[in-house]
Amino acid sequence: ASPSAPKKIFVGSLPLTITDAELRAEFSRYGAVVDVHVNNKPCEPGRNWAFVTFATPEQAQMAKVSADRVIVFPGSDKACEV
């Protein structure tokens, strides 16, 4: 990956109850998570979102490829979209 490749991934279709800690725990299996930002504005159930930032673009890409439509968080009725 080039140095300008993104280290931040968008994670959508999350339950309203999702926490920073849950996201960090799940996505840390793909690399070093350096930051998690969970949406704090009101939204429809199952439409919550977050940004997860990794230490390297390679880790971010690995998480994107591995987790997209695979991980289902508690409180959600479908897999998250990465």
N, C-alpha and C. Protein backbone atom coordinates (compact mmCIF):
# COMPACT_ATOMS: atom_id res chain seq x y z
N ALA A 1 0.84 -1.20 0.00
CA ALA A 1 0.00 0.00 0.00
C ALA A 1 0.88 1.25 0.00
N SER A 2 0.40 2.26 -0.65
CA SER A 2 1.14 3.51 -0.70
C SER A 2 1.01 4.24 0.63
N PRO A 3 1.95 5.15 0.92
CA PRO A 3 1.90 5.89 2.19
C PRO A 3 0.60 6.69 2.33
N SER A 4 -0.03 7.03 1.21
CA SER A 4 -1.25 7.82 1.27
C SER A 4 -2.51 6.96 1.39
N ALA A 5 -2.34 5.63 1.40
CA ALA A 5 -3.50 4.74 1.54
C ALA A 5 -4.16 4.99 2.89
N PRO A 6 -5.48 4.89 2.94
CA PRO A 6 -6.18 5.21 4.19
C PRO A 6 -5.89 4.23 5.33
N LYS A 7 -5.78 4.78 6.52
CA LYS A 7 -5.62 3.97 7.72
C LYS A 7 -6.96 3.88 8.45
N LYS A 8 -7.92 4.68 8.01
CA LYS A 8 -9.22 4.76 8.67
C LYS A 8 -10.27 4.03 7.84
N ILE A 9 -11.08 3.21 8.51
CA ILE A 9 -12.17 2.53 7.81
C ILE A 9 -13.51 2.98 8.40
N PHE A 10 -14.52 2.98 7.55
CA PHE A 10 -15.88 3.28 7.96
C PHE A 10 -16.59 1.97 8.25
N VAL A 11 -17.29 1.92 9.37
CA VAL A 11 -18.06 0.72 9.73
C VAL A 11 -19.52 1.14 9.90
N GLY A 12 -20.39 0.58 9.06
CA GLY A 12 -21.80 0.95 9.11
C GLY A 12 -22.69 -0.21 9.52
N SER A 13 -23.98 0.07 9.58
CA SER A 13 -25.00 -0.92 9.99
C SER A 13 -24.73 -1.45 11.40
N LEU A 14 -24.36 -0.56 12.29
CA LEU A 14 -24.07 -0.94 13.67
C LEU A 14 -25.30 -0.72 14.55
N PRO A 15 -25.42 -1.51 15.65
CA PRO A 15 -26.54 -1.29 16.58
C PRO A 15 -26.36 0.04 17.33
N LEU A 16 -27.44 0.60 17.81
CA LEU A 16 -27.37 1.87 18.55
C LEU A 16 -26.56 1.73 19.83
N THR A 17 -26.47 0.50 20.34
CA THR A 17 -25.81 0.26 21.62
C THR A 17 -24.30 0.00 21.49
N ILE A 18 -23.77 0.09 20.29
CA ILE A 18 -22.35 -0.23 20.08
C ILE A 18 -21.45 0.70 20.91
N THR A 19 -20.35 0.16 21.41
CA THR A 19 -19.43 0.98 22.21
C THR A 19 -18.04 0.99 21.57
N ASP A 20 -17.29 1.99 21.94
CA ASP A 20 -15.90 2.13 21.53
C ASP A 20 -15.14 0.84 21.88
N ALA A 21 -15.36 0.33 23.10
CA ALA A 21 -14.64 -0.86 23.56
C ALA A 21 -14.98 -2.09 22.72
N GLU A 22 -16.25 -2.25 22.35
CA GLU A 22 -16.64 -3.41 21.53
C GLU A 22 -15.97 -3.35 20.16
N LEU A 23 -15.97 -2.16 19.56
CA LEU A 23 -15.33 -2.01 18.25
C LEU A 23 -13.83 -2.25 18.34
N ARG A 24 -13.21 -1.67 19.37
CA ARG A 24 -11.77 -1.82 19.56
C ARG A 24 -11.40 -3.30 19.74
N ALA A 25 -12.19 -4.00 20.54
CA ALA A 25 -11.92 -5.42 20.80
C ALA A 25 -12.05 -6.25 19.52
N GLU A 26 -13.08 -5.99 18.74
CA GLU A 26 -13.33 -6.76 17.53
C GLU A 26 -12.28 -6.47 16.45
N PHE A 27 -11.99 -5.19 16.23
CA PHE A 27 -11.11 -4.83 15.12
C PHE A 27 -9.63 -4.93 15.47
N SER A 28 -9.29 -5.06 16.75
CA SER A 28 -7.87 -5.19 17.12
C SER A 28 -7.29 -6.52 16.65
N ARG A 29 -8.15 -7.48 16.27
CA ARG A 29 -7.63 -8.76 15.74
C ARG A 29 -6.98 -8.56 14.37
N TYR A 30 -7.25 -7.43 13.72
CA TYR A 30 -6.69 -7.17 12.38
C TYR A 30 -5.47 -6.25 12.43
N GLY A 31 -5.18 -5.69 13.58
CA GLY A 31 -4.03 -4.79 13.69
C GLY A 31 -4.18 -3.88 14.89
N ALA A 32 -3.24 -2.93 14.98
CA ALA A 32 -3.23 -1.99 16.10
C ALA A 32 -4.24 -0.88 15.86
N VAL A 33 -5.30 -0.85 16.66
CA VAL A 33 -6.32 0.19 16.56
C VAL A 33 -5.82 1.41 17.33
N VAL A 34 -5.66 2.52 16.63
CA VAL A 34 -5.15 3.73 17.29
C VAL A 34 -6.27 4.71 17.66
N ASP A 35 -7.45 4.58 17.01
CA ASP A 35 -8.54 5.48 17.35
C ASP A 35 -9.88 4.87 16.91
N VAL A 36 -10.91 5.12 17.70
CA VAL A 36 -12.27 4.71 17.35
C VAL A 36 -13.18 5.91 17.58
N HIS A 37 -13.97 6.25 16.57
CA HIS A 37 -14.96 7.32 16.72
C HIS A 37 -16.32 6.74 16.41
N VAL A 38 -17.19 6.70 17.43
CA VAL A 38 -18.55 6.20 17.25
C VAL A 38 -19.49 7.39 17.08
N ASN A 39 -20.36 7.30 16.10
CA ASN A 39 -21.37 8.33 15.90
C ASN A 39 -22.14 8.56 17.19
N ASN A 40 -22.33 9.83 17.57
CA ASN A 40 -23.08 10.12 18.79
C ASN A 40 -24.36 10.90 18.50
N LYS A 41 -24.74 10.97 17.23
CA LYS A 41 -25.98 11.65 16.85
C LYS A 41 -27.10 10.62 16.72
N PRO A 42 -28.33 11.04 16.95
CA PRO A 42 -29.46 10.11 16.81
C PRO A 42 -29.55 9.54 15.39
N CYS A 43 -29.91 8.27 15.28
CA CYS A 43 -30.09 7.65 13.97
C CYS A 43 -31.06 6.49 14.12
N GLU A 44 -31.47 5.94 12.99
CA GLU A 44 -32.39 4.80 13.01
C GLU A 44 -31.69 3.55 13.57
N PRO A 45 -32.45 2.66 14.20
CA PRO A 45 -31.86 1.40 14.69
C PRO A 45 -31.18 0.64 13.55
N GLY A 46 -30.00 0.12 13.82
CA GLY A 46 -29.26 -0.65 12.82
C GLY A 46 -28.54 0.21 11.80
N ARG A 47 -28.59 1.55 11.97
CA ARG A 47 -27.95 2.45 11.01
C ARG A 47 -26.83 3.25 11.66
N ASN A 48 -26.41 2.83 12.83
CA ASN A 48 -25.32 3.55 13.50
C ASN A 48 -24.02 3.28 12.77
N TRP A 49 -23.01 4.11 13.01
CA TRP A 49 -21.74 3.97 12.29
C TRP A 49 -20.58 4.43 13.15
N ALA A 50 -19.38 4.10 12.68
CA ALA A 50 -18.16 4.48 13.39
C ALA A 50 -17.00 4.52 12.41
N PHE A 51 -15.93 5.19 12.83
CA PHE A 51 -14.66 5.14 12.11
C PHE A 51 -13.66 4.44 13.01
N VAL A 52 -12.90 3.52 12.43
CA VAL A 52 -11.84 2.83 13.17
C VAL A 52 -10.53 3.13 12.45
N THR A 53 -9.55 3.66 13.17
CA THR A 53 -8.26 4.01 12.58
C THR A 53 -7.19 3.03 13.05
N PHE A 54 -6.43 2.51 12.09
CA PHE A 54 -5.36 1.55 12.37
C PHE A 54 -4.00 2.21 12.27
N ALA A 55 -2.98 1.51 12.74
CA ALA A 55 -1.62 2.03 12.71
C ALA A 55 -1.06 2.10 11.29
N THR A 56 -1.49 1.16 10.43
CA THR A 56 -0.98 1.13 9.06
C THR A 56 -2.11 0.92 8.06
N PRO A 57 -1.91 1.35 6.81
CA PRO A 57 -2.92 1.11 5.76
C PRO A 57 -3.16 -0.37 5.51
N GLU A 58 -2.13 -1.19 5.66
CA GLU A 58 -2.27 -2.63 5.43
C GLU A 58 -3.24 -3.25 6.44
N GLN A 59 -3.14 -2.82 7.69
CA GLN A 59 -4.04 -3.33 8.72
C GLN A 59 -5.47 -2.90 8.43
N ALA A 60 -5.65 -1.65 8.00
CA ALA A 60 -6.98 -1.15 7.67
C ALA A 60 -7.59 -1.95 6.52
N GLN A 61 -6.77 -2.23 5.51
CA GLN A 61 -7.26 -2.99 4.36
C GLN A 61 -7.62 -4.42 4.76
N MET A 62 -6.80 -5.03 5.62
CA MET A 62 -7.07 -6.38 6.10
C MET A 62 -8.41 -6.42 6.85
N ALA A 63 -8.65 -5.42 7.69
CA ALA A 63 -9.91 -5.36 8.44
C ALA A 63 -11.09 -5.20 7.49
N LYS A 64 -10.92 -4.35 6.49
CA LYS A 64 -11.99 -4.08 5.52
C LYS A 64 -12.36 -5.36 4.78
N VAL A 65 -11.36 -6.07 4.30
CA VAL A 65 -11.58 -7.29 3.53
C VAL A 65 -12.16 -8.40 4.42
N SER A 66 -11.66 -8.51 5.63
CA SER A 66 -12.03 -9.63 6.51
C SER A 66 -13.36 -9.44 7.22
N ALA A 67 -13.69 -8.20 7.58
CA ALA A 67 -14.85 -7.97 8.44
C ALA A 67 -16.13 -7.57 7.70
N ASP A 68 -16.01 -7.11 6.46
CA ASP A 68 -17.19 -6.62 5.74
C ASP A 68 -18.27 -7.68 5.61
N ARG A 69 -19.45 -7.35 6.12
CA ARG A 69 -20.62 -8.24 6.10
C ARG A 69 -20.36 -9.60 6.77
N VAL A 70 -19.43 -9.61 7.72
CA VAL A 70 -19.11 -10.84 8.44
C VAL A 70 -19.46 -10.70 9.92
N ILE A 71 -19.01 -9.61 10.53
CA ILE A 71 -19.18 -9.41 11.97
C ILE A 71 -20.61 -8.93 12.27
N VAL A 72 -21.27 -9.61 13.19
CA VAL A 72 -22.57 -9.16 13.68
C VAL A 72 -22.40 -8.82 15.15
N PHE A 73 -22.63 -7.56 15.49
CA PHE A 73 -22.49 -7.14 16.89
C PHE A 73 -23.79 -7.41 17.65
N PRO A 74 -23.68 -7.64 18.99
CA PRO A 74 -24.89 -7.85 19.79
C PRO A 74 -25.84 -6.66 19.63
N GLY A 75 -27.12 -6.97 19.47
CA GLY A 75 -28.09 -5.91 19.30
C GLY A 75 -28.37 -5.58 17.85
N SER A 76 -27.64 -6.20 16.95
CA SER A 76 -27.84 -5.95 15.53
C SER A 76 -28.43 -7.20 14.88
N ASP A 77 -29.27 -6.99 13.86
CA ASP A 77 -29.86 -8.14 13.19
C ASP A 77 -29.18 -8.46 11.86
N LYS A 78 -28.13 -7.71 11.55
CA LYS A 78 -27.37 -8.01 10.32
C LYS A 78 -25.90 -7.67 10.51
N ALA A 79 -25.07 -8.20 9.63
CA ALA A 79 -23.63 -7.96 9.72
C ALA A 79 -23.31 -6.50 9.40
N CYS A 80 -22.25 -5.99 10.01
CA CYS A 80 -21.86 -4.61 9.74
C CYS A 80 -21.23 -4.51 8.36
N GLU A 81 -21.24 -3.32 7.81
CA GLU A 81 -20.64 -3.06 6.51
C GLU A 81 -19.38 -2.24 6.71
N VAL A 82 -18.30 -2.70 6.09
CA VAL A 82 -17.02 -2.02 6.28
C VAL A 82 -16.55 -1.47 4.95
